[in-house]
Amino acid sequence: MDTTITRNKARGLPTPPRRWRTVAVNPYVYIALVLLLFFGVIQGFQRAGLWTTSSKVTASGQPVVATGKDPAEIKGWMTLGEVLTAYQVPRAEFDAHFGTPPDLPDTTALKDIEKTAPGFSTEAVRAWLKARAAP
C-alpha cells in the first residue's frame, strides 16, 4: 500500500486526480472522420430542405425566377429575356438606356452583358427598374 496516499487520506487532503487513458488514433482516420462529419451535416440539411448552396433554387427546391415585383430579386445569372418579360420592359427601351447591342440574344445572362457593354451592371439594372416603377 502506498503510504503517501494513505497519509493524504488521513489528513483529509484531496487525492490525486484520476488519469485518463489516451487512445492513439491514426491521423488519416481522424481527418476522414472530421470530413465525414462536416460534409454529412451539410448533406443532411440539404436533403431535409433546410439549406441550399445555389441561389438558383430555394431551400425547398423551387427555382428562383424574376416575378416583376421587386428589382432586388434580380440576379446576375438571370437572362436578359427573363428580366425583360417579368418587368414588362420593351427590348428597344432597354437597349437605348444601357447601350447594349440589339443583336444580343435574350438568353444572355446579365453578368455576361457586363463584359460586352461598358458601364452595364446588374446593380444598374436594379436601380433603373426601381426608378422606372416609381410613380
N, C-alpha and C. Protein backbone atom coordinates (compact mmCIF):
# COMPACT_ATOMS: atom_id res chain seq x y z
N MET A 1 0.84 -1.17 0.00
CA MET A 1 0.00 0.00 0.00
C MET A 1 0.89 1.24 0.00
N ASP A 2 0.46 2.23 -0.77
CA ASP A 2 1.24 3.45 -0.89
C ASP A 2 1.02 4.32 0.35
N THR A 3 2.06 4.64 1.04
CA THR A 3 1.94 5.40 2.28
C THR A 3 1.58 6.86 2.01
N THR A 4 1.95 7.40 0.84
CA THR A 4 1.65 8.79 0.53
C THR A 4 0.15 8.99 0.41
N ILE A 5 -0.51 8.11 -0.29
CA ILE A 5 -1.96 8.24 -0.45
C ILE A 5 -2.66 8.04 0.88
N THR A 6 -2.20 7.06 1.66
CA THR A 6 -2.80 6.81 2.97
C THR A 6 -2.62 8.02 3.86
N ARG A 7 -1.44 8.59 3.89
CA ARG A 7 -1.19 9.77 4.71
C ARG A 7 -2.07 10.93 4.26
N ASN A 8 -2.23 11.11 2.91
CA ASN A 8 -3.07 12.18 2.41
C ASN A 8 -4.53 11.98 2.80
N LYS A 9 -4.99 10.75 2.76
CA LYS A 9 -6.37 10.48 3.15
C LYS A 9 -6.56 10.74 4.65
N ALA A 10 -5.54 10.41 5.41
CA ALA A 10 -5.63 10.62 6.85
C ALA A 10 -5.71 12.10 7.18
N ARG A 11 -5.04 12.94 6.45
CA ARG A 11 -5.05 14.39 6.71
C ARG A 11 -6.28 15.06 6.10
N GLY A 12 -7.00 14.34 5.21
CA GLY A 12 -8.16 14.95 4.57
C GLY A 12 -7.81 15.75 3.33
N LEU A 13 -6.63 15.53 2.80
CA LEU A 13 -6.23 16.25 1.59
C LEU A 13 -6.81 15.53 0.36
N PRO A 14 -7.03 16.27 -0.72
CA PRO A 14 -7.58 15.63 -1.92
C PRO A 14 -6.60 14.62 -2.50
N THR A 15 -7.15 13.59 -3.04
CA THR A 15 -6.33 12.56 -3.68
C THR A 15 -5.96 13.02 -5.07
N PRO A 16 -4.90 12.48 -5.61
CA PRO A 16 -4.51 12.87 -6.97
C PRO A 16 -5.62 12.53 -7.96
N PRO A 17 -5.77 13.37 -9.00
CA PRO A 17 -6.84 13.11 -9.98
C PRO A 17 -6.61 11.81 -10.73
N ARG A 18 -7.69 11.24 -11.18
CA ARG A 18 -7.57 10.02 -11.98
C ARG A 18 -6.94 10.36 -13.31
N ARG A 19 -6.19 9.46 -13.78
CA ARG A 19 -5.55 9.67 -15.08
C ARG A 19 -6.33 8.92 -16.13
N TRP A 20 -6.72 9.65 -17.16
CA TRP A 20 -7.48 9.05 -18.26
C TRP A 20 -6.52 8.39 -19.22
N ARG A 21 -6.98 7.31 -19.74
CA ARG A 21 -6.17 6.63 -20.76
C ARG A 21 -6.35 7.35 -22.07
N THR A 22 -5.29 7.55 -22.78
CA THR A 22 -5.36 8.16 -24.09
C THR A 22 -5.41 7.06 -25.14
N VAL A 23 -6.13 7.35 -26.21
CA VAL A 23 -6.25 6.40 -27.30
C VAL A 23 -5.54 7.00 -28.50
N ALA A 24 -4.64 6.28 -29.05
CA ALA A 24 -3.92 6.76 -30.23
C ALA A 24 -4.79 6.52 -31.46
N VAL A 25 -5.04 7.59 -32.21
CA VAL A 25 -5.85 7.50 -33.42
C VAL A 25 -4.96 7.86 -34.60
N ASN A 26 -5.04 7.06 -35.61
CA ASN A 26 -4.29 7.33 -36.83
C ASN A 26 -4.74 8.69 -37.38
N PRO A 27 -3.82 9.57 -37.73
CA PRO A 27 -4.20 10.90 -38.22
C PRO A 27 -5.09 10.86 -39.46
N TYR A 28 -4.89 9.87 -40.34
CA TYR A 28 -5.70 9.77 -41.54
C TYR A 28 -7.14 9.39 -41.20
N VAL A 29 -7.30 8.52 -40.22
CA VAL A 29 -8.64 8.15 -39.77
C VAL A 29 -9.31 9.36 -39.12
N TYR A 30 -8.58 10.11 -38.34
CA TYR A 30 -9.11 11.30 -37.69
C TYR A 30 -9.57 12.32 -38.73
N ILE A 31 -8.75 12.58 -39.73
CA ILE A 31 -9.11 13.53 -40.79
C ILE A 31 -10.34 13.04 -41.54
N ALA A 32 -10.39 11.75 -41.85
CA ALA A 32 -11.54 11.19 -42.56
C ALA A 32 -12.82 11.35 -41.73
N LEU A 33 -12.74 11.12 -40.44
CA LEU A 33 -13.92 11.27 -39.58
C LEU A 33 -14.39 12.72 -39.51
N VAL A 34 -13.46 13.64 -39.42
CA VAL A 34 -13.83 15.06 -39.37
C VAL A 34 -14.50 15.49 -40.67
N LEU A 35 -13.93 15.09 -41.80
CA LEU A 35 -14.52 15.45 -43.09
C LEU A 35 -15.89 14.79 -43.28
N LEU A 36 -16.01 13.55 -42.88
CA LEU A 36 -17.29 12.85 -42.99
C LEU A 36 -18.35 13.55 -42.14
N LEU A 37 -18.00 13.95 -40.96
CA LEU A 37 -18.94 14.67 -40.10
C LEU A 37 -19.33 16.01 -40.72
N PHE A 38 -18.35 16.74 -41.22
CA PHE A 38 -18.60 18.07 -41.81
C PHE A 38 -19.54 17.96 -43.01
N PHE A 39 -19.17 17.13 -43.97
CA PHE A 39 -19.99 17.02 -45.18
C PHE A 39 -21.29 16.27 -44.91
N GLY A 40 -21.31 15.41 -43.92
CA GLY A 40 -22.54 14.72 -43.57
C GLY A 40 -23.58 15.68 -43.02
N VAL A 41 -23.16 16.64 -42.24
CA VAL A 41 -24.08 17.64 -41.71
C VAL A 41 -24.64 18.47 -42.86
N ILE A 42 -23.79 18.87 -43.79
CA ILE A 42 -24.25 19.66 -44.94
C ILE A 42 -25.27 18.87 -45.76
N GLN A 43 -24.94 17.63 -46.08
CA GLN A 43 -25.86 16.79 -46.86
C GLN A 43 -27.17 16.58 -46.12
N GLY A 44 -27.11 16.37 -44.85
CA GLY A 44 -28.32 16.17 -44.07
C GLY A 44 -29.25 17.37 -44.13
N PHE A 45 -28.71 18.55 -43.97
CA PHE A 45 -29.53 19.76 -44.02
C PHE A 45 -30.06 20.01 -45.43
N GLN A 46 -29.27 19.72 -46.46
CA GLN A 46 -29.74 19.90 -47.83
C GLN A 46 -30.88 18.94 -48.14
N ARG A 47 -30.75 17.69 -47.74
CA ARG A 47 -31.81 16.71 -48.00
C ARG A 47 -33.06 17.00 -47.20
N ALA A 48 -32.92 17.62 -46.06
CA ALA A 48 -34.09 18.00 -45.26
C ALA A 48 -34.75 19.26 -45.79
N GLY A 49 -34.13 19.91 -46.78
CA GLY A 49 -34.70 21.12 -47.37
C GLY A 49 -34.48 22.36 -46.54
N LEU A 50 -33.48 22.34 -45.69
CA LEU A 50 -33.21 23.47 -44.82
C LEU A 50 -32.04 24.33 -45.27
N TRP A 51 -31.30 23.87 -46.29
CA TRP A 51 -30.12 24.60 -46.72
C TRP A 51 -29.89 24.37 -48.20
N THR A 52 -29.58 25.44 -48.91
CA THR A 52 -29.23 25.33 -50.33
C THR A 52 -27.95 26.10 -50.57
N THR A 53 -27.13 25.59 -51.46
CA THR A 53 -25.88 26.26 -51.77
C THR A 53 -25.94 26.97 -53.11
N SER A 54 -27.09 26.97 -53.73
CA SER A 54 -27.27 27.62 -55.02
C SER A 54 -28.30 28.72 -54.88
N SER A 55 -28.06 29.83 -55.52
CA SER A 55 -29.05 30.90 -55.47
C SER A 55 -30.09 30.73 -56.57
N LYS A 56 -29.99 29.66 -57.35
CA LYS A 56 -30.95 29.42 -58.42
C LYS A 56 -32.17 28.65 -57.95
N VAL A 57 -32.10 28.07 -56.76
CA VAL A 57 -33.25 27.36 -56.20
C VAL A 57 -33.40 27.77 -54.73
N THR A 58 -34.63 27.68 -54.26
CA THR A 58 -34.89 27.97 -52.85
C THR A 58 -34.52 26.75 -52.02
N ALA A 59 -34.62 26.87 -50.72
CA ALA A 59 -34.30 25.74 -49.84
C ALA A 59 -35.24 24.57 -50.07
N SER A 60 -36.46 24.85 -50.55
CA SER A 60 -37.41 23.77 -50.82
C SER A 60 -37.23 23.18 -52.21
N GLY A 61 -36.31 23.71 -53.00
CA GLY A 61 -36.03 23.16 -54.32
C GLY A 61 -36.75 23.85 -55.47
N GLN A 62 -37.53 24.88 -55.18
CA GLN A 62 -38.25 25.61 -56.22
C GLN A 62 -37.29 26.56 -56.93
N PRO A 63 -37.37 26.65 -58.26
CA PRO A 63 -36.46 27.57 -58.97
C PRO A 63 -36.78 29.04 -58.66
N VAL A 64 -35.74 29.83 -58.57
CA VAL A 64 -35.89 31.27 -58.34
C VAL A 64 -36.11 31.93 -59.69
N VAL A 65 -37.18 32.70 -59.80
CA VAL A 65 -37.49 33.40 -61.04
C VAL A 65 -37.79 34.86 -60.72
N ALA A 66 -37.63 35.70 -61.73
CA ALA A 66 -37.96 37.11 -61.58
C ALA A 66 -39.47 37.24 -61.66
N THR A 67 -40.06 37.84 -60.63
CA THR A 67 -41.52 37.97 -60.58
C THR A 67 -42.01 39.31 -61.10
N GLY A 68 -41.14 40.28 -61.19
CA GLY A 68 -41.54 41.60 -61.64
C GLY A 68 -42.05 42.49 -60.51
N LYS A 69 -41.93 42.03 -59.28
CA LYS A 69 -42.43 42.80 -58.14
C LYS A 69 -41.35 43.64 -57.48
N ASP A 70 -40.16 43.08 -57.34
CA ASP A 70 -39.08 43.77 -56.62
C ASP A 70 -37.78 43.62 -57.40
N PRO A 71 -37.19 44.71 -57.88
CA PRO A 71 -35.94 44.61 -58.63
C PRO A 71 -34.78 44.02 -57.83
N ALA A 72 -34.87 44.01 -56.50
CA ALA A 72 -33.79 43.44 -55.70
C ALA A 72 -33.66 41.93 -55.91
N GLU A 73 -34.70 41.30 -56.47
CA GLU A 73 -34.65 39.86 -56.71
C GLU A 73 -33.84 39.49 -57.95
N ILE A 74 -33.45 40.46 -58.73
CA ILE A 74 -32.71 40.20 -59.97
C ILE A 74 -31.29 39.76 -59.63
N LYS A 75 -30.87 38.66 -60.22
CA LYS A 75 -29.54 38.10 -60.01
C LYS A 75 -28.76 38.17 -61.32
N GLY A 76 -27.46 38.15 -61.21
CA GLY A 76 -26.60 38.23 -62.39
C GLY A 76 -26.72 37.03 -63.31
N TRP A 77 -27.13 35.88 -62.80
CA TRP A 77 -27.27 34.69 -63.64
C TRP A 77 -28.57 34.66 -64.42
N MET A 78 -29.50 35.56 -64.11
CA MET A 78 -30.78 35.60 -64.84
C MET A 78 -30.55 36.10 -66.25
N THR A 79 -31.37 35.61 -67.16
CA THR A 79 -31.21 36.00 -68.56
C THR A 79 -31.88 37.34 -68.83
N LEU A 80 -31.44 37.96 -69.89
CA LEU A 80 -32.00 39.25 -70.30
C LEU A 80 -33.48 39.10 -70.61
N GLY A 81 -33.84 38.06 -71.34
CA GLY A 81 -35.24 37.85 -71.70
C GLY A 81 -36.12 37.63 -70.48
N GLU A 82 -35.62 36.91 -69.50
CA GLU A 82 -36.38 36.66 -68.27
C GLU A 82 -36.68 37.97 -67.54
N VAL A 83 -35.70 38.82 -67.44
CA VAL A 83 -35.89 40.10 -66.75
C VAL A 83 -36.83 41.01 -67.54
N LEU A 84 -36.64 41.09 -68.84
CA LEU A 84 -37.49 41.96 -69.67
C LEU A 84 -38.94 41.50 -69.63
N THR A 85 -39.16 40.21 -69.65
CA THR A 85 -40.53 39.67 -69.60
C THR A 85 -41.16 39.92 -68.23
N ALA A 86 -40.45 39.66 -67.17
CA ALA A 86 -41.00 39.81 -65.83
C ALA A 86 -41.35 41.26 -65.51
N TYR A 87 -40.54 42.19 -65.96
CA TYR A 87 -40.76 43.60 -65.64
C TYR A 87 -41.43 44.36 -66.79
N GLN A 88 -41.84 43.65 -67.83
CA GLN A 88 -42.57 44.22 -68.98
C GLN A 88 -41.85 45.44 -69.55
N VAL A 89 -40.59 45.23 -69.89
CA VAL A 89 -39.78 46.29 -70.46
C VAL A 89 -39.55 45.97 -71.94
N PRO A 90 -39.84 46.93 -72.85
CA PRO A 90 -39.54 46.69 -74.26
C PRO A 90 -38.03 46.60 -74.48
N ARG A 91 -37.63 45.70 -75.35
CA ARG A 91 -36.20 45.49 -75.61
C ARG A 91 -35.54 46.76 -76.15
N ALA A 92 -36.22 47.49 -76.99
CA ALA A 92 -35.65 48.71 -77.56
C ALA A 92 -35.35 49.75 -76.47
N GLU A 93 -36.24 49.87 -75.49
CA GLU A 93 -36.02 50.82 -74.40
C GLU A 93 -34.81 50.39 -73.55
N PHE A 94 -34.69 49.11 -73.31
CA PHE A 94 -33.56 48.59 -72.54
C PHE A 94 -32.25 48.85 -73.28
N ASP A 95 -32.22 48.54 -74.59
CA ASP A 95 -31.01 48.75 -75.39
C ASP A 95 -30.63 50.22 -75.45
N ALA A 96 -31.64 51.09 -75.57
CA ALA A 96 -31.36 52.53 -75.65
C ALA A 96 -30.79 53.05 -74.33
N HIS A 97 -31.30 52.56 -73.24
CA HIS A 97 -30.85 53.07 -71.94
C HIS A 97 -29.46 52.57 -71.57
N PHE A 98 -29.18 51.29 -71.83
CA PHE A 98 -27.90 50.72 -71.40
C PHE A 98 -26.86 50.61 -72.51
N GLY A 99 -27.23 50.91 -73.74
CA GLY A 99 -26.27 50.84 -74.84
C GLY A 99 -25.87 49.42 -75.20
N THR A 100 -26.74 48.48 -74.98
CA THR A 100 -26.45 47.09 -75.34
C THR A 100 -26.74 46.89 -76.83
N PRO A 101 -26.01 46.00 -77.47
CA PRO A 101 -26.25 45.76 -78.90
C PRO A 101 -27.60 45.09 -79.13
N PRO A 102 -28.34 45.52 -80.15
CA PRO A 102 -29.66 44.94 -80.39
C PRO A 102 -29.62 43.46 -80.81
N ASP A 103 -28.48 43.01 -81.33
CA ASP A 103 -28.39 41.61 -81.76
C ASP A 103 -28.00 40.67 -80.61
N LEU A 104 -27.94 41.19 -79.40
CA LEU A 104 -27.61 40.38 -78.23
C LEU A 104 -28.77 39.41 -77.95
N PRO A 105 -28.51 38.11 -77.86
CA PRO A 105 -29.61 37.17 -77.63
C PRO A 105 -30.27 37.37 -76.27
N ASP A 106 -31.56 37.07 -76.21
CA ASP A 106 -32.30 37.18 -74.95
C ASP A 106 -31.87 36.14 -73.94
N THR A 107 -31.14 35.12 -74.36
CA THR A 107 -30.69 34.06 -73.46
C THR A 107 -29.37 34.41 -72.76
N THR A 108 -28.86 35.60 -73.01
CA THR A 108 -27.60 36.03 -72.40
C THR A 108 -27.83 36.39 -70.94
N ALA A 109 -26.98 35.89 -70.06
CA ALA A 109 -27.06 36.23 -68.64
C ALA A 109 -26.63 37.67 -68.42
N LEU A 110 -27.22 38.32 -67.44
CA LEU A 110 -26.89 39.72 -67.17
C LEU A 110 -25.42 39.90 -66.84
N LYS A 111 -24.84 38.94 -66.13
CA LYS A 111 -23.42 39.07 -65.78
C LYS A 111 -22.52 39.00 -67.01
N ASP A 112 -22.99 38.34 -68.09
CA ASP A 112 -22.21 38.28 -69.32
C ASP A 112 -22.34 39.55 -70.14
N ILE A 113 -23.43 40.28 -69.95
CA ILE A 113 -23.60 41.56 -70.66
C ILE A 113 -22.61 42.58 -70.12
N GLU A 114 -22.24 42.44 -68.85
CA GLU A 114 -21.29 43.37 -68.24
C GLU A 114 -19.96 43.36 -68.99
N LYS A 115 -19.63 42.23 -69.63
CA LYS A 115 -18.36 42.11 -70.36
C LYS A 115 -18.43 42.78 -71.73
N THR A 116 -19.63 42.89 -72.30
CA THR A 116 -19.76 43.43 -73.66
C THR A 116 -20.17 44.89 -73.69
N ALA A 117 -20.96 45.34 -72.74
CA ALA A 117 -21.44 46.73 -72.74
C ALA A 117 -20.73 47.51 -71.64
N PRO A 118 -20.01 48.56 -72.00
CA PRO A 118 -19.31 49.35 -70.98
C PRO A 118 -20.31 50.08 -70.08
N GLY A 119 -20.04 50.04 -68.79
CA GLY A 119 -20.89 50.74 -67.83
C GLY A 119 -22.14 49.96 -67.42
N PHE A 120 -22.36 48.80 -67.99
CA PHE A 120 -23.52 47.99 -67.65
C PHE A 120 -23.22 47.18 -66.40
N SER A 121 -24.21 47.05 -65.52
CA SER A 121 -24.07 46.20 -64.35
C SER A 121 -25.45 45.74 -63.90
N THR A 122 -25.47 44.65 -63.19
CA THR A 122 -26.73 44.14 -62.66
C THR A 122 -27.32 45.13 -61.67
N GLU A 123 -26.46 45.78 -60.89
CA GLU A 123 -26.93 46.77 -59.93
C GLU A 123 -27.59 47.95 -60.64
N ALA A 124 -27.04 48.34 -61.81
CA ALA A 124 -27.62 49.44 -62.58
C ALA A 124 -29.00 49.05 -63.10
N VAL A 125 -29.17 47.80 -63.50
CA VAL A 125 -30.48 47.33 -63.97
C VAL A 125 -31.49 47.39 -62.83
N ARG A 126 -31.08 46.96 -61.65
CA ARG A 126 -31.98 47.01 -60.49
C ARG A 126 -32.40 48.45 -60.20
N ALA A 127 -31.43 49.36 -60.17
CA ALA A 127 -31.73 50.77 -59.87
C ALA A 127 -32.63 51.37 -60.94
N TRP A 128 -32.37 51.05 -62.21
CA TRP A 128 -33.17 51.60 -63.30
C TRP A 128 -34.61 51.08 -63.23
N LEU A 129 -34.78 49.81 -62.98
CA LEU A 129 -36.13 49.24 -62.88
C LEU A 129 -36.88 49.81 -61.68
N LYS A 130 -36.16 50.06 -60.58
CA LYS A 130 -36.80 50.64 -59.39
C LYS A 130 -37.24 52.07 -59.69
N ALA A 131 -36.38 52.84 -60.35
CA ALA A 131 -36.74 54.23 -60.70
C ALA A 131 -37.85 54.26 -61.74
N ARG A 132 -37.86 53.30 -62.64
CA ARG A 132 -38.86 53.22 -63.71
C ARG A 132 -40.23 52.88 -63.12
N ALA A 133 -40.26 52.08 -62.07
CA ALA A 133 -41.54 51.67 -61.46
C ALA A 133 -42.08 52.74 -60.52
N ALA A 134 -41.23 53.64 -60.04
CA ALA A 134 -41.69 54.67 -59.11
C ALA A 134 -42.61 55.64 -59.83
N PRO A 135 -43.71 56.03 -59.16
CA PRO A 135 -44.66 56.96 -59.81
C PRO A 135 -44.15 58.36 -59.93
